[in-house]
Amino acid sequence: PNRIPPSLPSTDKYGDPLPQLLSEPRSCEAAAGISWLTKAA
């Protein structure tokens, strides 16, 4: 409404959106890795 275009994500030279960084890193407990290996087995 204030006539300012919306902020669009940055793009590369081909017009594809660049990957956006997370504001804070994701984390999980070590048990998640054990669960992943158990499911794979």
All heavy atoms as atom14 arrays in JSON, in Angstrom:
{
  "sequence": "PNRIPPSLPSTDKYGDPLPQLLSEPRSCEAAAGISWLTKAA",
  "atom14_mask": [
    [1, 1, 1, 1, 1, 1, 1, 0, 0, 0, 0, 0, 0, 0],
    [1, 1, 1, 1, 1, 1, 1, 1, 0, 0, 0, 0, 0, 0],
    [1, 1, 1, 1, 1, 1, 1, 1, 1, 1, 1, 0, 0, 0],
    [1, 1, 1, 1, 1, 1, 1, 1, 0, 0, 0, 0, 0, 0],
    [1, 1, 1, 1, 1, 1, 1, 0, 0, 0, 0, 0, 0, 0],
    [1, 1, 1, 1, 1, 1, 1, 0, 0, 0, 0, 0, 0, 0],
    [1, 1, 1, 1, 1, 1, 0, 0, 0, 0, 0, 0, 0, 0],
    [1, 1, 1, 1, 1, 1, 1, 1, 0, 0, 0, 0, 0, 0],
    [1, 1, 1, 1, 1, 1, 1, 0, 0, 0, 0, 0, 0, 0],
    [1, 1, 1, 1, 1, 1, 0, 0, 0, 0, 0, 0, 0, 0],
    [1, 1, 1, 1, 1, 1, 1, 0, 0, 0, 0, 0, 0, 0],
    [1, 1, 1, 1, 1, 1, 1, 1, 0, 0, 0, 0, 0, 0],
    [1, 1, 1, 1, 1, 1, 1, 1, 1, 0, 0, 0, 0, 0],
    [1, 1, 1, 1, 1, 1, 1, 1, 1, 1, 1, 1, 0, 0],
    [1, 1, 1, 1, 0, 0, 0, 0, 0, 0, 0, 0, 0, 0],
    [1, 1, 1, 1, 1, 1, 1, 1, 0, 0, 0, 0, 0, 0],
    [1, 1, 1, 1, 1, 1, 1, 0, 0, 0, 0, 0, 0, 0],
    [1, 1, 1, 1, 1, 1, 1, 1, 0, 0, 0, 0, 0, 0],
    [1, 1, 1, 1, 1, 1, 1, 0, 0, 0, 0, 0, 0, 0],
    [1, 1, 1, 1, 1, 1, 1, 1, 1, 0, 0, 0, 0, 0],
    [1, 1, 1, 1, 1, 1, 1, 1, 0, 0, 0, 0, 0, 0],
    [1, 1, 1, 1, 1, 1, 1, 1, 0, 0, 0, 0, 0, 0],
    [1, 1, 1, 1, 1, 1, 0, 0, 0, 0, 0, 0, 0, 0],
    [1, 1, 1, 1, 1, 1, 1, 1, 1, 0, 0, 0, 0, 0],
    [1, 1, 1, 1, 1, 1, 1, 0, 0, 0, 0, 0, 0, 0],
    [1, 1, 1, 1, 1, 1, 1, 1, 1, 1, 1, 0, 0, 0],
    [1, 1, 1, 1, 1, 1, 0, 0, 0, 0, 0, 0, 0, 0],
    [1, 1, 1, 1, 1, 1, 0, 0, 0, 0, 0, 0, 0, 0],
    [1, 1, 1, 1, 1, 1, 1, 1, 1, 0, 0, 0, 0, 0],
    [1, 1, 1, 1, 1, 0, 0, 0, 0, 0, 0, 0, 0, 0],
    [1, 1, 1, 1, 1, 0, 0, 0, 0, 0, 0, 0, 0, 0],
    [1, 1, 1, 1, 1, 0, 0, 0, 0, 0, 0, 0, 0, 0],
    [1, 1, 1, 1, 0, 0, 0, 0, 0, 0, 0, 0, 0, 0],
    [1, 1, 1, 1, 1, 1, 1, 1, 0, 0, 0, 0, 0, 0],
    [1, 1, 1, 1, 1, 1, 0, 0, 0, 0, 0, 0, 0, 0],
    [1, 1, 1, 1, 1, 1, 1, 1, 1, 1, 1, 1, 1, 1],
    [1, 1, 1, 1, 1, 1, 1, 1, 0, 0, 0, 0, 0, 0],
    [1, 1, 1, 1, 1, 1, 1, 0, 0, 0, 0, 0, 0, 0],
    [1, 1, 1, 1, 1, 1, 1, 1, 1, 0, 0, 0, 0, 0],
    [1, 1, 1, 1, 1, 0, 0, 0, 0, 0, 0, 0, 0, 0],
    [1, 1, 1, 1, 1, 0, 0, 0, 0, 0, 0, 0, 0, 0]
  ],
  "atom14_positions": [
    [[0.8, -1.23, 0.0], [0.0, 0.0, 0.0], [0.83, 1.28, 0.0], [0.39, 2.3, -0.5], [-0.82, -0.11, 1.27], [-0.84, -1.55, 1.61], [0.41, -2.13, 1.06], [0.0, 0.0, 0.0], [0.0, 0.0, 0.0], [0.0, 0.0, 0.0], [0.0, 0.0, 0.0], [0.0, 0.0, 0.0], [0.0, 0.0, 0.0], [0.0, 0.0, 0.0]],
    [[2.04, 1.25, 0.54], [2.86, 2.48, 0.56], [3.69, 2.63, -0.71], [4.63, 3.41, -0.73], [3.73, 2.52, 1.81], [4.66, 1.33, 1.89], [4.7, 0.49, 0.99], [5.42, 1.25, 2.96], [0.0, 0.0, 0.0], [0.0, 0.0, 0.0], [0.0, 0.0, 0.0], [0.0, 0.0, 0.0], [0.0, 0.0, 0.0], [0.0, 0.0, 0.0]],
    [[3.39, 1.86, -1.73], [4.01, 1.91, -3.05], [5.47, 1.46, -3.06], [6.2, 1.71, -4.0], [3.91, 3.31, -3.66], [2.53, 3.76, -3.94], [2.05, 2.94, -5.08], [0.86, 3.53, -5.67], [0.01, 2.84, -6.37], [0.22, 1.57, -6.56], [-1.03, 3.4, -6.9], [0.0, 0.0, 0.0], [0.0, 0.0, 0.0], [0.0, 0.0, 0.0]],
    [[5.93, 0.78, -2.01], [7.27, 0.21, -2.0], [7.13, -1.25, -2.42], [6.31, -1.98, -1.87], [7.9, 0.31, -0.6], [8.04, 1.77, -0.2], [9.24, -0.39, -0.57], [8.49, 1.98, 1.22], [0.0, 0.0, 0.0], [0.0, 0.0, 0.0], [0.0, 0.0, 0.0], [0.0, 0.0, 0.0], [0.0, 0.0, 0.0], [0.0, 0.0, 0.0]],
    [[7.91, -1.69, -3.42], [7.79, -3.09, -3.84], [8.16, -4.04, -2.7], [8.95, -3.71, -1.84], [8.78, -3.22, -4.99], [9.26, -1.86, -5.3], [8.88, -0.96, -4.18], [0.0, 0.0, 0.0], [0.0, 0.0, 0.0], [0.0, 0.0, 0.0], [0.0, 0.0, 0.0], [0.0, 0.0, 0.0], [0.0, 0.0, 0.0], [0.0, 0.0, 0.0]],
    [[7.54, -5.21, -2.69], [7.86, -6.17, -1.62], [9.31, -6.64, -1.73], [9.89, -6.66, -2.82], [6.89, -7.33, -1.86], [6.56, -7.24, -3.3], [6.61, -5.77, -3.65], [0.0, 0.0, 0.0], [0.0, 0.0, 0.0], [0.0, 0.0, 0.0], [0.0, 0.0, 0.0], [0.0, 0.0, 0.0], [0.0, 0.0, 0.0], [0.0, 0.0, 0.0]],
    [[9.9, -6.98, -0.59], [11.28, -7.46, -0.64], [11.27, -8.89, -1.16], [10.58, -9.76, -0.64], [11.9, -7.4, 0.75], [11.19, -8.22, 1.64], [0.0, 0.0, 0.0], [0.0, 0.0, 0.0], [0.0, 0.0, 0.0], [0.0, 0.0, 0.0], [0.0, 0.0, 0.0], [0.0, 0.0, 0.0], [0.0, 0.0, 0.0], [0.0, 0.0, 0.0]],
    [[12.01, -9.11, -2.21], [12.11, -10.42, -2.83], [13.43, -11.06, -2.44], [14.4, -10.35, -2.17], [12.01, -10.29, -4.35], [10.7, -9.71, -4.87], [10.78, -9.5, -6.37], [9.53, -10.61, -4.53], [0.0, 0.0, 0.0], [0.0, 0.0, 0.0], [0.0, 0.0, 0.0], [0.0, 0.0, 0.0], [0.0, 0.0, 0.0], [0.0, 0.0, 0.0]],
    [[13.49, -12.4, -2.39], [14.77, -13.04, -2.05], [15.81, -12.76, -3.13], [15.5, -12.54, -4.29], [14.41, -14.53, -1.98], [13.15, -14.67, -2.73], [12.44, -13.36, -2.63], [0.0, 0.0, 0.0], [0.0, 0.0, 0.0], [0.0, 0.0, 0.0], [0.0, 0.0, 0.0], [0.0, 0.0, 0.0], [0.0, 0.0, 0.0], [0.0, 0.0, 0.0]],
    [[17.08, -12.77, -2.71], [18.18, -12.56, -3.65], [18.19, -13.69, -4.68], [17.87, -14.83, -4.37], [19.5, -12.54, -2.9], [19.48, -11.53, -1.92], [0.0, 0.0, 0.0], [0.0, 0.0, 0.0], [0.0, 0.0, 0.0], [0.0, 0.0, 0.0], [0.0, 0.0, 0.0], [0.0, 0.0, 0.0], [0.0, 0.0, 0.0], [0.0, 0.0, 0.0]],
    [[18.57, -13.34, -5.9], [18.61, -14.35, -6.96], [20.0, -14.4, -7.58], [20.77, -13.44, -7.5], [17.58, -14.04, -8.07], [17.87, -12.75, -8.6], [16.17, -14.07, -7.54], [0.0, 0.0, 0.0], [0.0, 0.0, 0.0], [0.0, 0.0, 0.0], [0.0, 0.0, 0.0], [0.0, 0.0, 0.0], [0.0, 0.0, 0.0], [0.0, 0.0, 0.0]],
    [[20.31, -15.53, -8.21], [21.58, -15.65, -8.92], [21.42, -15.07, -10.32], [20.38, -14.5, -10.66], [22.05, -17.1, -8.96], [21.08, -18.03, -9.68], [20.1, -17.54, -10.26], [21.31, -19.25, -9.65], [0.0, 0.0, 0.0], [0.0, 0.0, 0.0], [0.0, 0.0, 0.0], [0.0, 0.0, 0.0], [0.0, 0.0, 0.0], [0.0, 0.0, 0.0]],
    [[22.45, -15.22, -11.15], [22.4, -14.6, -12.47], [21.37, -15.24, -13.39], [21.05, -14.69, -14.43], [23.79, -14.63, -13.12], [24.33, -16.01, -13.4], [25.72, -15.92, -14.0], [26.28, -17.28, -14.28], [27.61, -17.21, -14.87], [0.0, 0.0, 0.0], [0.0, 0.0, 0.0], [0.0, 0.0, 0.0], [0.0, 0.0, 0.0], [0.0, 0.0, 0.0]],
    [[20.83, -16.41, -13.02], [19.79, -17.06, -13.83], [18.39, -16.77, -13.31], [17.42, -17.27, -13.84], [20.03, -18.57, -13.86], [21.38, -18.94, -14.43], [22.39, -19.41, -13.6], [21.66, -18.77, -15.77], [23.64, -19.72, -14.11], [22.9, -19.07, -16.29], [23.88, -19.55, -15.46], [25.12, -19.86, -15.97], [0.0, 0.0, 0.0], [0.0, 0.0, 0.0]],
    [[18.28, -16.02, -12.22], [16.98, -15.68, -11.67], [16.47, -16.68, -10.64], [15.37, -16.52, -10.13], [0.0, 0.0, 0.0], [0.0, 0.0, 0.0], [0.0, 0.0, 0.0], [0.0, 0.0, 0.0], [0.0, 0.0, 0.0], [0.0, 0.0, 0.0], [0.0, 0.0, 0.0], [0.0, 0.0, 0.0], [0.0, 0.0, 0.0], [0.0, 0.0, 0.0]],
    [[17.27, -17.69, -10.31], [16.86, -18.65, -9.29], [17.15, -18.08, -7.91], [18.17, -17.42, -7.7], [17.62, -19.97, -9.46], [17.29, -20.65, -10.78], [16.13, -20.54, -11.22], [18.19, -21.28, -11.36], [0.0, 0.0, 0.0], [0.0, 0.0, 0.0], [0.0, 0.0, 0.0], [0.0, 0.0, 0.0], [0.0, 0.0, 0.0], [0.0, 0.0, 0.0]],
    [[16.26, -18.32, -6.93], [16.51, -17.78, -5.6], [17.73, -18.43, -4.94], [17.97, -19.62, -5.08], [15.23, -18.1, -4.83], [14.56, -19.17, -5.59], [15.01, -19.05, -7.01], [0.0, 0.0, 0.0], [0.0, 0.0, 0.0], [0.0, 0.0, 0.0], [0.0, 0.0, 0.0], [0.0, 0.0, 0.0], [0.0, 0.0, 0.0], [0.0, 0.0, 0.0]],
    [[18.51, -17.6, -4.26], [19.68, -18.1, -3.55], [19.24, -18.74, -2.24], [18.22, -18.36, -1.68], [20.65, -16.95, -3.26], [21.31, -16.32, -4.47], [22.11, -15.09, -4.06], [22.21, -17.31, -5.17], [0.0, 0.0, 0.0], [0.0, 0.0, 0.0], [0.0, 0.0, 0.0], [0.0, 0.0, 0.0], [0.0, 0.0, 0.0], [0.0, 0.0, 0.0]],
    [[20.0, -19.7, -1.72], [19.63, -20.3, -0.45], [19.69, -19.27, 0.68], [20.57, -18.42, 0.7], [20.66, -21.41, -0.23], [21.68, -21.25, -1.27], [21.19, -20.28, -2.28], [0.0, 0.0, 0.0], [0.0, 0.0, 0.0], [0.0, 0.0, 0.0], [0.0, 0.0, 0.0], [0.0, 0.0, 0.0], [0.0, 0.0, 0.0], [0.0, 0.0, 0.0]],
    [[18.73, -19.33, 1.57], [18.66, -18.39, 2.68], [19.2, -19.06, 3.94], [18.88, -20.2, 4.23], [17.2, -17.95, 2.91], [16.56, -17.3, 1.7], [17.23, -16.01, 1.32], [17.47, -15.17, 2.15], [17.56, -15.87, 0.05], [0.0, 0.0, 0.0], [0.0, 0.0, 0.0], [0.0, 0.0, 0.0], [0.0, 0.0, 0.0], [0.0, 0.0, 0.0]],
    [[20.01, -18.34, 4.68], [20.56, -18.86, 5.92], [19.5, -18.8, 7.02], [18.63, -17.93, 7.03], [21.78, -18.06, 6.35], [22.97, -18.11, 5.4], [24.07, -17.18, 5.91], [23.49, -19.52, 5.27], [0.0, 0.0, 0.0], [0.0, 0.0, 0.0], [0.0, 0.0, 0.0], [0.0, 0.0, 0.0], [0.0, 0.0, 0.0], [0.0, 0.0, 0.0]],
    [[19.58, -19.73, 7.94], [18.68, -19.74, 9.08], [19.11, -18.66, 10.06], [20.29, -18.36, 10.21], [18.69, -21.1, 9.77], [18.26, -22.29, 8.91], [18.48, -23.58, 9.67], [16.8, -22.16, 8.53], [0.0, 0.0, 0.0], [0.0, 0.0, 0.0], [0.0, 0.0, 0.0], [0.0, 0.0, 0.0], [0.0, 0.0, 0.0], [0.0, 0.0, 0.0]],
    [[18.14, -18.08, 10.75], [18.49, -17.05, 11.73], [19.26, -17.65, 12.89], [20.12, -17.01, 13.47], [17.23, -16.34, 12.22], [16.34, -17.27, 12.78], [0.0, 0.0, 0.0], [0.0, 0.0, 0.0], [0.0, 0.0, 0.0], [0.0, 0.0, 0.0], [0.0, 0.0, 0.0], [0.0, 0.0, 0.0], [0.0, 0.0, 0.0], [0.0, 0.0, 0.0]],
    [[18.95, -18.89, 13.25], [19.74, -19.6, 14.25], [19.85, -21.06, 13.84], [18.94, -21.6, 13.23], [19.16, -19.44, 15.65], [17.9, -20.2, 15.94], [17.44, -19.98, 17.38], [17.22, -18.83, 17.73], [17.33, -20.98, 18.1], [0.0, 0.0, 0.0], [0.0, 0.0, 0.0], [0.0, 0.0, 0.0], [0.0, 0.0, 0.0], [0.0, 0.0, 0.0]],
    [[20.97, -21.7, 14.13], [21.17, -23.08, 13.66], [20.21, -24.06, 14.32], [19.75, -23.85, 15.44], [22.62, -23.39, 14.04], [22.98, -22.4, 15.07], [22.11, -21.21, 14.88], [0.0, 0.0, 0.0], [0.0, 0.0, 0.0], [0.0, 0.0, 0.0], [0.0, 0.0, 0.0], [0.0, 0.0, 0.0], [0.0, 0.0, 0.0], [0.0, 0.0, 0.0]],
    [[19.91, -25.11, 13.59], [19.07, -26.18, 14.14], [19.92, -27.1, 14.99], [21.1, -27.28, 14.72], [18.43, -26.97, 13.02], [17.5, -26.16, 12.16], [16.94, -27.02, 11.06], [16.2, -26.19, 10.12], [15.86, -26.57, 8.93], [16.18, -27.77, 8.49], [15.19, -25.77, 8.13], [0.0, 0.0, 0.0], [0.0, 0.0, 0.0], [0.0, 0.0, 0.0]],
    [[19.32, -27.71, 15.96], [20.05, -28.67, 16.79], [19.1, -29.77, 17.21], [17.88, -29.61, 17.19], [20.65, -27.99, 18.02], [19.62, -27.51, 18.85], [0.0, 0.0, 0.0], [0.0, 0.0, 0.0], [0.0, 0.0, 0.0], [0.0, 0.0, 0.0], [0.0, 0.0, 0.0], [0.0, 0.0, 0.0], [0.0, 0.0, 0.0], [0.0, 0.0, 0.0]],
    [[19.67, -30.9, 17.56], [18.89, -32.02, 18.06], [19.76, -32.8, 19.03], [20.97, -32.61, 19.1], [18.36, -32.91, 16.94], [19.65, -33.66, 15.95], [0.0, 0.0, 0.0], [0.0, 0.0, 0.0], [0.0, 0.0, 0.0], [0.0, 0.0, 0.0], [0.0, 0.0, 0.0], [0.0, 0.0, 0.0], [0.0, 0.0, 0.0], [0.0, 0.0, 0.0]],
    [[19.14, -33.68, 19.76], [19.87, -34.46, 20.74], [20.63, -35.59, 20.05], [20.31, -35.99, 18.92], [18.9, -35.04, 21.76], [18.16, -33.97, 22.55], [17.17, -34.57, 23.53], [17.11, -35.8, 23.65], [16.46, -33.79, 24.16], [0.0, 0.0, 0.0], [0.0, 0.0, 0.0], [0.0, 0.0, 0.0], [0.0, 0.0, 0.0], [0.0, 0.0, 0.0]],
    [[21.61, -36.13, 20.73], [22.39, -37.23, 20.17], [21.53, -38.47, 19.95], [21.8, -39.27, 19.07], [23.56, -37.55, 21.1], [0.0, 0.0, 0.0], [0.0, 0.0, 0.0], [0.0, 0.0, 0.0], [0.0, 0.0, 0.0], [0.0, 0.0, 0.0], [0.0, 0.0, 0.0], [0.0, 0.0, 0.0], [0.0, 0.0, 0.0], [0.0, 0.0, 0.0]],
    [[20.47, -38.6, 20.72], [19.59, -39.75, 20.57], [18.92, -39.77, 19.19], [18.55, -40.84, 18.7], [18.53, -39.74, 21.67], [0.0, 0.0, 0.0], [0.0, 0.0, 0.0], [0.0, 0.0, 0.0], [0.0, 0.0, 0.0], [0.0, 0.0, 0.0], [0.0, 0.0, 0.0], [0.0, 0.0, 0.0], [0.0, 0.0, 0.0], [0.0, 0.0, 0.0]],
    [[18.79, -38.62, 18.56], [18.2, -38.57, 17.22], [19.1, -39.3, 16.22], [18.61, -39.98, 15.32], [17.98, -37.13, 16.79], [0.0, 0.0, 0.0], [0.0, 0.0, 0.0], [0.0, 0.0, 0.0], [0.0, 0.0, 0.0], [0.0, 0.0, 0.0], [0.0, 0.0, 0.0], [0.0, 0.0, 0.0], [0.0, 0.0, 0.0], [0.0, 0.0, 0.0]],
    [[20.41, -39.19, 16.38], [21.34, -39.91, 15.51], [21.27, -41.41, 15.72], [21.29, -42.18, 14.77], [0.0, 0.0, 0.0], [0.0, 0.0, 0.0], [0.0, 0.0, 0.0], [0.0, 0.0, 0.0], [0.0, 0.0, 0.0], [0.0, 0.0, 0.0], [0.0, 0.0, 0.0], [0.0, 0.0, 0.0], [0.0, 0.0, 0.0], [0.0, 0.0, 0.0]],
    [[21.15, -41.83, 16.97], [21.01, -43.26, 17.28], [19.71, -43.78, 16.69], [19.67, -44.87, 16.11], [21.05, -43.49, 18.81], [22.37, -42.98, 19.4], [20.81, -44.94, 19.15], [23.58, -43.75, 18.97], [0.0, 0.0, 0.0], [0.0, 0.0, 0.0], [0.0, 0.0, 0.0], [0.0, 0.0, 0.0], [0.0, 0.0, 0.0], [0.0, 0.0, 0.0]],
    [[18.65, -43.0, 16.79], [17.36, -43.39, 16.22], [17.45, -43.54, 14.71], [16.89, -44.47, 14.13], [16.29, -42.36, 16.6], [15.11, -42.58, 15.91], [0.0, 0.0, 0.0], [0.0, 0.0, 0.0], [0.0, 0.0, 0.0], [0.0, 0.0, 0.0], [0.0, 0.0, 0.0], [0.0, 0.0, 0.0], [0.0, 0.0, 0.0], [0.0, 0.0, 0.0]],
    [[18.16, -42.61, 14.06], [18.32, -42.65, 12.61], [19.06, -43.93, 12.2], [18.67, -44.6, 11.25], [19.08, -41.4, 12.18], [19.33, -41.29, 10.72], [18.42, -41.01, 9.74], [20.59, -41.47, 10.06], [19.04, -40.99, 8.51], [20.36, -41.26, 8.69], [21.87, -41.76, 10.5], [21.37, -41.35, 7.76], [22.88, -41.84, 9.56], [22.64, -41.64, 8.2]],
    [[20.13, -44.28, 12.92], [20.88, -45.49, 12.61], [20.05, -46.74, 12.87], [20.13, -47.72, 12.11], [22.18, -45.54, 13.43], [23.23, -44.5, 13.04], [24.38, -44.52, 14.04], [23.73, -44.76, 11.64], [0.0, 0.0, 0.0], [0.0, 0.0, 0.0], [0.0, 0.0, 0.0], [0.0, 0.0, 0.0], [0.0, 0.0, 0.0], [0.0, 0.0, 0.0]],
    [[19.25, -46.73, 13.92], [18.39, -47.88, 14.22], [17.34, -48.09, 13.13], [17.08, -49.22, 12.72], [17.69, -47.67, 15.58], [18.68, -47.37, 16.56], [16.91, -48.88, 16.0], [0.0, 0.0, 0.0], [0.0, 0.0, 0.0], [0.0, 0.0, 0.0], [0.0, 0.0, 0.0], [0.0, 0.0, 0.0], [0.0, 0.0, 0.0], [0.0, 0.0, 0.0]],
    [[16.76, -46.99, 12.64], [15.78, -47.1, 11.55], [16.43, -47.63, 10.28], [15.84, -48.43, 9.56], [15.13, -45.75, 11.28], [14.16, -45.32, 12.36], [13.59, -43.95, 12.04], [12.7, -43.47, 13.17], [12.23, -42.1, 12.94], [0.0, 0.0, 0.0], [0.0, 0.0, 0.0], [0.0, 0.0, 0.0], [0.0, 0.0, 0.0], [0.0, 0.0, 0.0]],
    [[17.66, -47.18, 10.01], [18.38, -47.66, 8.82], [18.66, -49.15, 8.92], [18.48, -49.9, 7.95], [19.68, -46.89, 8.64], [0.0, 0.0, 0.0], [0.0, 0.0, 0.0], [0.0, 0.0, 0.0], [0.0, 0.0, 0.0], [0.0, 0.0, 0.0], [0.0, 0.0, 0.0], [0.0, 0.0, 0.0], [0.0, 0.0, 0.0], [0.0, 0.0, 0.0]],
    [[19.06, -49.61, 10.1], [19.32, -51.03, 10.29], [18.05, -51.86, 10.13], [18.08, -52.95, 9.55], [19.94, -51.28, 11.67], [0.0, 0.0, 0.0], [0.0, 0.0, 0.0], [0.0, 0.0, 0.0], [0.0, 0.0, 0.0], [0.0, 0.0, 0.0], [0.0, 0.0, 0.0], [0.0, 0.0, 0.0], [0.0, 0.0, 0.0], [0.0, 0.0, 0.0]]
  ]
}
